[in-house]
Amino acid sequence: MSGNSPEMILRVTAEKCAGCHICELLCSLFHFRVNNPKKSRIRVQTLFPEPGINKPIVCRQCKKPACMEACPTGAITIENGLVKLDEEKCTGCLECVQACPFGALFTHPDIPYPLKCDLCGGNPQCTKCPKGAIEFVPRKTGQETEGEPESAAGG
């Protein structure tokens, strides 16, 4: 994601999600080398009533992230359109988790900092979804997320 390349985001199409949780497994394997979906930086939420719908919850890489504004230590920054969490600066206060209007930061008792999508360094593993429910696409001009759901992030 260099200066001239477009900012990339994840686009979720909930209607394509089968609820298999492969995206969660791929994420936890990439980041922690464990087969543990609770350690992933993405979650598949199943919503009812009938018919149920599976909705992957991912970080929307907001232009004005509420998580960054809530962080008292400056551990969350924006770099080339990516909202990044500096695990060394993070104190584990979880203010960012509470502030995210999309519920896209997660916790795990074994991990001292929130789990936040980092787009796997530019090759998001969750996009290997066998149903094509998650895509890595350029952010459209004028497409910003500031607390309101938007189609590109699966809102």
N, C-alpha and C. Protein backbone atom coordinates (compact mmCIF):
# COMPACT_ATOMS: atom_id res chain seq x y z
N MET A 1 0.83 -1.18 0.00
CA MET A 1 0.00 0.00 0.00
C MET A 1 0.88 1.24 0.00
N SER A 2 1.46 1.52 -1.11
CA SER A 2 2.34 2.66 -1.22
C SER A 2 1.56 3.92 -1.56
N GLY A 3 2.25 5.05 -1.69
CA GLY A 3 1.64 6.33 -1.91
C GLY A 3 0.70 6.42 -3.09
N ASN A 4 1.04 5.80 -4.22
CA ASN A 4 0.20 5.90 -5.42
C ASN A 4 -0.83 4.79 -5.53
N SER A 5 -0.67 3.72 -4.79
CA SER A 5 -1.64 2.63 -4.89
C SER A 5 -2.85 2.97 -4.03
N PRO A 6 -4.03 2.49 -4.44
CA PRO A 6 -5.23 2.81 -3.68
C PRO A 6 -5.22 2.11 -2.32
N GLU A 7 -5.88 2.75 -1.36
CA GLU A 7 -6.04 2.11 -0.06
C GLU A 7 -6.94 0.91 -0.25
N MET A 8 -6.62 -0.17 0.40
CA MET A 8 -7.38 -1.40 0.25
C MET A 8 -8.17 -1.68 1.52
N ILE A 9 -9.36 -2.24 1.35
CA ILE A 9 -10.21 -2.61 2.47
C ILE A 9 -10.82 -3.98 2.20
N LEU A 10 -11.40 -4.54 3.23
CA LEU A 10 -12.13 -5.79 3.06
C LEU A 10 -13.58 -5.48 2.75
N ARG A 11 -14.12 -6.16 1.75
CA ARG A 11 -15.54 -6.02 1.43
C ARG A 11 -16.20 -7.36 1.74
N VAL A 12 -17.26 -7.30 2.55
CA VAL A 12 -17.98 -8.48 2.97
C VAL A 12 -19.33 -8.54 2.26
N THR A 13 -19.65 -9.69 1.73
CA THR A 13 -20.98 -9.95 1.17
C THR A 13 -21.59 -11.04 2.03
N ALA A 14 -22.35 -10.62 3.03
CA ALA A 14 -22.90 -11.55 4.02
C ALA A 14 -23.74 -12.65 3.37
N GLU A 15 -24.42 -12.32 2.30
CA GLU A 15 -25.28 -13.30 1.64
C GLU A 15 -24.49 -14.50 1.10
N LYS A 16 -23.21 -14.32 0.86
CA LYS A 16 -22.37 -15.41 0.36
C LYS A 16 -21.78 -16.26 1.49
N CYS A 17 -21.81 -15.76 2.71
CA CYS A 17 -21.18 -16.46 3.83
C CYS A 17 -21.99 -17.68 4.24
N ALA A 18 -21.32 -18.84 4.27
CA ALA A 18 -21.96 -20.10 4.65
C ALA A 18 -21.83 -20.39 6.14
N GLY A 19 -21.09 -19.55 6.86
CA GLY A 19 -20.91 -19.78 8.29
C GLY A 19 -19.91 -20.87 8.61
N CYS A 20 -19.01 -21.17 7.70
CA CYS A 20 -18.05 -22.26 7.89
C CYS A 20 -16.90 -21.89 8.83
N HIS A 21 -16.66 -20.60 9.04
CA HIS A 21 -15.62 -20.07 9.92
C HIS A 21 -14.20 -20.33 9.43
N ILE A 22 -14.04 -20.70 8.16
CA ILE A 22 -12.70 -20.91 7.62
C ILE A 22 -11.89 -19.62 7.70
N CYS A 23 -12.54 -18.47 7.50
CA CYS A 23 -11.84 -17.19 7.60
C CYS A 23 -11.22 -17.01 8.98
N GLU A 24 -11.95 -17.40 10.02
CA GLU A 24 -11.43 -17.29 11.39
C GLU A 24 -10.23 -18.22 11.60
N LEU A 25 -10.32 -19.42 11.09
CA LEU A 25 -9.23 -20.38 11.23
C LEU A 25 -7.97 -19.91 10.50
N LEU A 26 -8.15 -19.42 9.27
CA LEU A 26 -7.01 -18.93 8.51
C LEU A 26 -6.34 -17.76 9.22
N CYS A 27 -7.13 -16.88 9.81
CA CYS A 27 -6.59 -15.73 10.53
C CYS A 27 -5.79 -16.18 11.75
N SER A 28 -6.35 -17.06 12.56
CA SER A 28 -5.64 -17.50 13.76
C SER A 28 -4.37 -18.28 13.40
N LEU A 29 -4.42 -19.04 12.32
CA LEU A 29 -3.21 -19.75 11.87
C LEU A 29 -2.13 -18.77 11.42
N PHE A 30 -2.53 -17.75 10.69
CA PHE A 30 -1.57 -16.77 10.18
C PHE A 30 -0.91 -16.00 11.33
N HIS A 31 -1.70 -15.54 12.28
CA HIS A 31 -1.17 -14.67 13.33
C HIS A 31 -0.56 -15.41 14.52
N PHE A 32 -1.12 -16.56 14.87
CA PHE A 32 -0.67 -17.25 16.08
C PHE A 32 -0.22 -18.69 15.86
N ARG A 33 -0.32 -19.16 14.62
CA ARG A 33 0.06 -20.54 14.29
C ARG A 33 -0.73 -21.55 15.11
N VAL A 34 -2.00 -21.22 15.40
CA VAL A 34 -2.87 -22.15 16.12
C VAL A 34 -4.22 -22.23 15.41
N ASN A 35 -4.84 -23.37 15.53
CA ASN A 35 -6.17 -23.57 14.97
C ASN A 35 -7.18 -23.22 16.06
N ASN A 36 -7.38 -21.91 16.26
CA ASN A 36 -8.26 -21.43 17.31
C ASN A 36 -9.00 -20.18 16.83
N PRO A 37 -10.23 -20.34 16.37
CA PRO A 37 -10.97 -19.20 15.84
C PRO A 37 -11.17 -18.07 16.84
N LYS A 38 -11.09 -18.35 18.12
CA LYS A 38 -11.24 -17.29 19.14
C LYS A 38 -10.01 -16.38 19.18
N LYS A 39 -8.94 -16.78 18.50
CA LYS A 39 -7.75 -15.94 18.41
C LYS A 39 -7.66 -15.25 17.05
N SER A 40 -8.76 -15.23 16.32
CA SER A 40 -8.74 -14.56 15.02
C SER A 40 -9.14 -13.10 15.18
N ARG A 41 -8.85 -12.33 14.16
CA ARG A 41 -9.15 -10.91 14.14
C ARG A 41 -10.40 -10.64 13.30
N ILE A 42 -11.17 -11.67 13.09
CA ILE A 42 -12.44 -11.61 12.37
C ILE A 42 -13.39 -12.56 13.10
N ARG A 43 -14.66 -12.24 13.08
CA ARG A 43 -15.65 -13.12 13.70
C ARG A 43 -16.84 -13.27 12.74
N VAL A 44 -17.38 -14.48 12.68
CA VAL A 44 -18.59 -14.71 11.92
C VAL A 44 -19.74 -14.74 12.92
N GLN A 45 -20.65 -13.81 12.76
CA GLN A 45 -21.81 -13.71 13.63
C GLN A 45 -23.01 -14.29 12.90
N THR A 46 -23.75 -15.15 13.57
CA THR A 46 -24.95 -15.72 12.97
C THR A 46 -26.16 -14.99 13.55
N LEU A 47 -26.97 -14.45 12.67
CA LEU A 47 -28.15 -13.69 13.07
C LEU A 47 -29.41 -14.46 12.72
N PHE A 48 -30.35 -14.46 13.63
CA PHE A 48 -31.64 -15.12 13.42
C PHE A 48 -32.73 -14.08 13.57
N PRO A 49 -33.93 -14.17 13.20
CA PRO A 49 -34.70 -15.40 12.99
C PRO A 49 -34.51 -15.98 11.60
N GLU A 50 -35.29 -17.00 11.33
CA GLU A 50 -35.21 -17.71 10.07
C GLU A 50 -35.50 -16.78 8.91
N PRO A 51 -34.85 -16.85 7.79
CA PRO A 51 -33.64 -17.67 7.63
C PRO A 51 -32.46 -16.97 8.29
N GLY A 52 -31.61 -17.74 8.92
CA GLY A 52 -30.43 -17.17 9.55
C GLY A 52 -29.47 -16.61 8.52
N ILE A 53 -28.70 -15.62 8.93
CA ILE A 53 -27.69 -15.05 8.04
C ILE A 53 -26.37 -15.02 8.81
N ASN A 54 -25.30 -15.35 8.12
CA ASN A 54 -23.97 -15.31 8.70
C ASN A 54 -23.31 -14.03 8.24
N LYS A 55 -22.76 -13.28 9.18
CA LYS A 55 -22.17 -11.99 8.85
C LYS A 55 -20.76 -11.90 9.41
N PRO A 56 -19.74 -11.97 8.55
CA PRO A 56 -18.38 -11.77 9.03
C PRO A 56 -18.20 -10.32 9.53
N ILE A 57 -17.61 -10.18 10.70
CA ILE A 57 -17.34 -8.88 11.29
C ILE A 57 -15.85 -8.61 11.14
N VAL A 58 -15.52 -7.56 10.39
CA VAL A 58 -14.12 -7.21 10.13
C VAL A 58 -13.90 -5.73 10.42
N CYS A 59 -12.66 -5.36 10.67
CA CYS A 59 -12.31 -3.95 10.83
C CYS A 59 -12.54 -3.25 9.50
N ARG A 60 -13.15 -2.08 9.57
CA ARG A 60 -13.48 -1.32 8.37
C ARG A 60 -12.41 -0.31 7.99
N GLN A 61 -11.31 -0.28 8.73
CA GLN A 61 -10.21 0.65 8.43
C GLN A 61 -10.77 2.07 8.27
N CYS A 62 -11.51 2.51 9.27
CA CYS A 62 -12.18 3.81 9.25
C CYS A 62 -11.22 4.97 8.98
N LYS A 63 -11.71 5.97 8.29
CA LYS A 63 -10.92 7.19 8.05
C LYS A 63 -10.74 7.98 9.33
N LYS A 64 -11.76 7.97 10.19
CA LYS A 64 -11.70 8.63 11.49
C LYS A 64 -12.09 7.61 12.55
N PRO A 65 -11.17 6.72 12.90
CA PRO A 65 -11.51 5.58 13.76
C PRO A 65 -11.81 5.98 15.21
N ALA A 66 -12.96 5.55 15.69
CA ALA A 66 -13.34 5.78 17.08
C ALA A 66 -12.37 5.06 18.01
N CYS A 67 -11.85 3.92 17.60
CA CYS A 67 -10.91 3.17 18.43
C CYS A 67 -9.64 3.98 18.67
N MET A 68 -9.17 4.66 17.64
CA MET A 68 -7.96 5.47 17.75
C MET A 68 -8.20 6.66 18.68
N GLU A 69 -9.36 7.30 18.53
CA GLU A 69 -9.68 8.45 19.38
C GLU A 69 -9.80 8.04 20.84
N ALA A 70 -10.27 6.82 21.10
CA ALA A 70 -10.47 6.35 22.47
C ALA A 70 -9.18 5.87 23.14
N CYS A 71 -8.17 5.56 22.36
CA CYS A 71 -6.94 4.98 22.91
C CYS A 71 -6.15 6.03 23.69
N PRO A 72 -5.97 5.83 24.99
CA PRO A 72 -5.26 6.81 25.81
C PRO A 72 -3.75 6.82 25.64
N THR A 73 -3.18 5.79 25.00
CA THR A 73 -1.72 5.71 24.89
C THR A 73 -1.20 5.98 23.48
N GLY A 74 -2.09 6.23 22.53
CA GLY A 74 -1.65 6.45 21.15
C GLY A 74 -1.19 5.17 20.48
N ALA A 75 -1.66 4.03 20.96
CA ALA A 75 -1.24 2.75 20.40
C ALA A 75 -1.90 2.46 19.05
N ILE A 76 -2.94 3.21 18.72
CA ILE A 76 -3.63 3.01 17.44
C ILE A 76 -3.36 4.21 16.55
N THR A 77 -2.86 3.93 15.36
CA THR A 77 -2.52 4.97 14.40
C THR A 77 -3.02 4.58 13.01
N ILE A 78 -2.95 5.52 12.08
CA ILE A 78 -3.29 5.22 10.69
C ILE A 78 -2.02 5.35 9.87
N GLU A 79 -1.75 4.31 9.08
CA GLU A 79 -0.56 4.30 8.23
C GLU A 79 -0.96 3.79 6.85
N ASN A 80 -0.90 4.66 5.85
CA ASN A 80 -1.30 4.31 4.48
C ASN A 80 -2.72 3.73 4.42
N GLY A 81 -3.63 4.31 5.20
CA GLY A 81 -5.02 3.87 5.20
C GLY A 81 -5.31 2.69 6.10
N LEU A 82 -4.27 2.09 6.69
CA LEU A 82 -4.44 0.96 7.60
C LEU A 82 -4.47 1.46 9.03
N VAL A 83 -5.51 1.10 9.75
CA VAL A 83 -5.60 1.43 11.17
C VAL A 83 -4.81 0.35 11.91
N LYS A 84 -3.69 0.77 12.51
CA LYS A 84 -2.75 -0.17 13.11
C LYS A 84 -2.74 -0.08 14.63
N LEU A 85 -2.57 -1.23 15.26
CA LEU A 85 -2.43 -1.32 16.71
C LEU A 85 -0.99 -1.67 17.05
N ASP A 86 -0.33 -0.80 17.80
CA ASP A 86 1.04 -1.07 18.25
C ASP A 86 0.93 -1.86 19.56
N GLU A 87 1.20 -3.14 19.48
CA GLU A 87 1.04 -4.03 20.62
C GLU A 87 1.97 -3.65 21.78
N GLU A 88 3.09 -3.02 21.47
CA GLU A 88 4.04 -2.61 22.52
C GLU A 88 3.51 -1.42 23.31
N LYS A 89 2.82 -0.49 22.64
CA LYS A 89 2.28 0.69 23.32
C LYS A 89 0.97 0.41 24.03
N CYS A 90 0.28 -0.64 23.63
CA CYS A 90 -1.03 -0.96 24.18
C CYS A 90 -0.91 -1.42 25.63
N THR A 91 -1.77 -0.86 26.47
CA THR A 91 -1.79 -1.23 27.90
C THR A 91 -2.88 -2.25 28.21
N GLY A 92 -3.70 -2.58 27.22
CA GLY A 92 -4.77 -3.55 27.44
C GLY A 92 -5.98 -2.98 28.17
N CYS A 93 -6.17 -1.67 28.09
CA CYS A 93 -7.30 -1.04 28.79
C CYS A 93 -8.64 -1.34 28.13
N LEU A 94 -8.61 -1.72 26.86
CA LEU A 94 -9.78 -2.10 26.06
C LEU A 94 -10.74 -0.95 25.75
N GLU A 95 -10.28 0.29 25.90
CA GLU A 95 -11.11 1.43 25.52
C GLU A 95 -11.46 1.38 24.05
N CYS A 96 -10.54 0.92 23.22
CA CYS A 96 -10.77 0.82 21.78
C CYS A 96 -11.87 -0.19 21.46
N VAL A 97 -11.88 -1.29 22.19
CA VAL A 97 -12.89 -2.33 21.98
C VAL A 97 -14.28 -1.75 22.25
N GLN A 98 -14.38 -1.00 23.34
CA GLN A 98 -15.66 -0.38 23.69
C GLN A 98 -16.07 0.69 22.69
N ALA A 99 -15.10 1.40 22.12
CA ALA A 99 -15.39 2.53 21.24
C ALA A 99 -15.78 2.12 19.82
N CYS A 100 -15.36 0.96 19.36
CA CYS A 100 -15.64 0.56 17.97
C CYS A 100 -17.14 0.36 17.77
N PRO A 101 -17.76 1.16 16.90
CA PRO A 101 -19.20 1.03 16.69
C PRO A 101 -19.60 -0.23 15.92
N PHE A 102 -18.62 -0.94 15.38
CA PHE A 102 -18.90 -2.13 14.58
C PHE A 102 -18.56 -3.42 15.31
N GLY A 103 -18.02 -3.32 16.52
CA GLY A 103 -17.66 -4.51 17.27
C GLY A 103 -16.57 -5.31 16.60
N ALA A 104 -15.62 -4.62 15.98
CA ALA A 104 -14.62 -5.28 15.16
C ALA A 104 -13.26 -5.46 15.84
N LEU A 105 -13.16 -5.17 17.14
CA LEU A 105 -11.96 -5.49 17.91
C LEU A 105 -12.37 -6.55 18.91
N PHE A 106 -11.51 -7.55 19.07
CA PHE A 106 -11.87 -8.70 19.88
C PHE A 106 -10.83 -8.93 20.98
N THR A 107 -11.20 -9.71 21.96
CA THR A 107 -10.27 -10.02 23.05
C THR A 107 -10.15 -11.53 23.21
N HIS A 108 -9.06 -11.93 23.81
CA HIS A 108 -8.84 -13.32 24.17
C HIS A 108 -8.05 -13.32 25.47
N PRO A 109 -8.42 -14.18 26.43
CA PRO A 109 -7.75 -14.15 27.74
C PRO A 109 -6.25 -14.43 27.71
N ASP A 110 -5.75 -15.09 26.68
CA ASP A 110 -4.32 -15.38 26.57
C ASP A 110 -3.52 -14.24 25.96
N ILE A 111 -4.20 -13.24 25.42
CA ILE A 111 -3.53 -12.19 24.66
C ILE A 111 -3.72 -10.85 25.36
N PRO A 112 -2.63 -10.13 25.68
CA PRO A 112 -2.73 -8.92 26.50
C PRO A 112 -3.17 -7.65 25.76
N TYR A 113 -3.49 -7.76 24.49
CA TYR A 113 -3.91 -6.60 23.70
C TYR A 113 -5.12 -7.02 22.86
N PRO A 114 -5.90 -6.06 22.40
CA PRO A 114 -7.05 -6.40 21.55
C PRO A 114 -6.62 -6.98 20.21
N LEU A 115 -7.45 -7.82 19.67
CA LEU A 115 -7.19 -8.41 18.36
C LEU A 115 -7.86 -7.52 17.32
N LYS A 116 -7.04 -6.90 16.46
CA LYS A 116 -7.53 -5.97 15.45
C LYS A 116 -6.93 -6.33 14.11
N CYS A 117 -7.76 -6.36 13.10
CA CYS A 117 -7.31 -6.74 11.76
C CYS A 117 -6.18 -5.83 11.29
N ASP A 118 -5.13 -6.46 10.77
CA ASP A 118 -4.00 -5.73 10.19
C ASP A 118 -3.86 -6.06 8.70
N LEU A 119 -4.92 -6.63 8.15
CA LEU A 119 -4.95 -7.04 6.74
C LEU A 119 -3.81 -7.99 6.39
N CYS A 120 -3.31 -8.69 7.39
CA CYS A 120 -2.25 -9.70 7.21
C CYS A 120 -1.09 -9.15 6.40
N GLY A 121 -0.74 -7.89 6.65
CA GLY A 121 0.39 -7.28 5.96
C GLY A 121 0.15 -7.06 4.47
N GLY A 122 -1.09 -7.04 4.04
CA GLY A 122 -1.41 -6.80 2.64
C GLY A 122 -1.91 -8.02 1.89
N ASN A 123 -1.96 -9.16 2.56
CA ASN A 123 -2.45 -10.39 1.95
C ASN A 123 -3.44 -11.06 2.90
N PRO A 124 -4.63 -10.45 3.08
CA PRO A 124 -5.58 -10.97 4.07
C PRO A 124 -5.97 -12.42 3.83
N GLN A 125 -5.72 -13.23 4.83
CA GLN A 125 -5.99 -14.66 4.72
C GLN A 125 -7.48 -14.96 4.63
N CYS A 126 -8.30 -14.11 5.24
CA CYS A 126 -9.75 -14.35 5.25
C CYS A 126 -10.35 -14.29 3.84
N THR A 127 -9.64 -13.65 2.91
CA THR A 127 -10.16 -13.57 1.54
C THR A 127 -10.06 -14.90 0.80
N LYS A 128 -9.48 -15.89 1.44
CA LYS A 128 -9.44 -17.24 0.85
C LYS A 128 -10.74 -17.98 1.10
N CYS A 129 -11.75 -17.26 1.53
CA CYS A 129 -13.09 -17.80 1.77
C CYS A 129 -13.55 -18.59 0.55
N PRO A 130 -13.93 -19.87 0.72
CA PRO A 130 -14.33 -20.67 -0.43
C PRO A 130 -15.62 -20.18 -1.11
N LYS A 131 -16.40 -19.38 -0.43
CA LYS A 131 -17.65 -18.86 -1.00
C LYS A 131 -17.48 -17.45 -1.58
N GLY A 132 -16.30 -16.84 -1.41
CA GLY A 132 -16.06 -15.50 -1.94
C GLY A 132 -16.78 -14.41 -1.15
N ALA A 133 -17.07 -14.67 0.13
CA ALA A 133 -17.80 -13.71 0.95
C ALA A 133 -16.96 -12.52 1.38
N ILE A 134 -15.63 -12.66 1.32
CA ILE A 134 -14.73 -11.58 1.75
C ILE A 134 -13.74 -11.30 0.62
N GLU A 135 -13.70 -10.04 0.21
CA GLU A 135 -12.80 -9.63 -0.87
C GLU A 135 -11.92 -8.48 -0.40
N PHE A 136 -10.73 -8.38 -0.95
CA PHE A 136 -9.79 -7.30 -0.68
C PHE A 136 -9.85 -6.37 -1.87
N VAL A 137 -10.42 -5.18 -1.68
CA VAL A 137 -10.71 -4.29 -2.80
C VAL A 137 -10.22 -2.87 -2.50
N PRO A 138 -9.99 -2.08 -3.55
CA PRO A 138 -9.62 -0.67 -3.32
C PRO A 138 -10.78 0.09 -2.70
N ARG A 139 -10.45 0.97 -1.75
CA ARG A 139 -11.46 1.85 -1.17
C ARG A 139 -11.91 2.80 -2.26
N LYS A 140 -13.19 2.96 -2.40
CA LYS A 140 -13.72 3.88 -3.41
C LYS A 140 -13.51 5.32 -2.96
N THR A 141 -13.32 6.21 -3.89
CA THR A 141 -13.18 7.62 -3.59
C THR A 141 -14.41 8.09 -2.83
N GLY A 142 -14.18 8.76 -1.73
CA GLY A 142 -15.29 9.27 -0.94
C GLY A 142 -15.90 8.24 0.00
N GLN A 143 -15.44 6.99 -0.06
CA GLN A 143 -15.98 5.95 0.80
C GLN A 143 -15.25 6.01 2.13
N GLU A 144 -15.95 6.49 3.12
CA GLU A 144 -15.37 6.63 4.44
C GLU A 144 -16.27 5.98 5.47
N THR A 145 -15.69 5.50 6.51
CA THR A 145 -16.45 4.92 7.59
C THR A 145 -16.17 5.76 8.84
N GLU A 146 -17.22 6.34 9.36
CA GLU A 146 -17.09 7.16 10.56
C GLU A 146 -18.18 6.80 11.56
N GLY A 147 -18.49 5.54 11.68
CA GLY A 147 -19.48 5.13 12.65
C GLY A 147 -20.81 4.70 12.05
N GLU A 148 -20.98 4.82 10.74
CA GLU A 148 -22.19 4.39 10.08
C GLU A 148 -21.87 3.17 9.21
N PRO A 149 -22.72 2.17 9.23
CA PRO A 149 -22.48 1.02 8.37
C PRO A 149 -22.46 1.42 6.90
N GLU A 150 -21.60 0.74 6.14
CA GLU A 150 -21.50 1.00 4.71
C GLU A 150 -21.33 -0.31 3.97
N SER A 151 -21.74 -0.33 2.74
CA SER A 151 -21.81 -1.59 1.99
C SER A 151 -20.46 -2.27 1.81
N ALA A 152 -19.39 -1.54 1.62
CA ALA A 152 -18.10 -2.18 1.33
C ALA A 152 -17.61 -3.00 2.50
N ALA A 153 -18.00 -2.67 3.70
CA ALA A 153 -17.54 -3.43 4.85
C ALA A 153 -18.58 -4.43 5.32
N GLY A 154 -19.62 -4.54 4.61
CA GLY A 154 -20.60 -5.57 4.95
C GLY A 154 -21.61 -5.12 5.98
N GLY A 155 -21.85 -3.82 6.09
CA GLY A 155 -22.76 -3.30 7.10
C GLY A 155 -24.16 -3.53 6.74
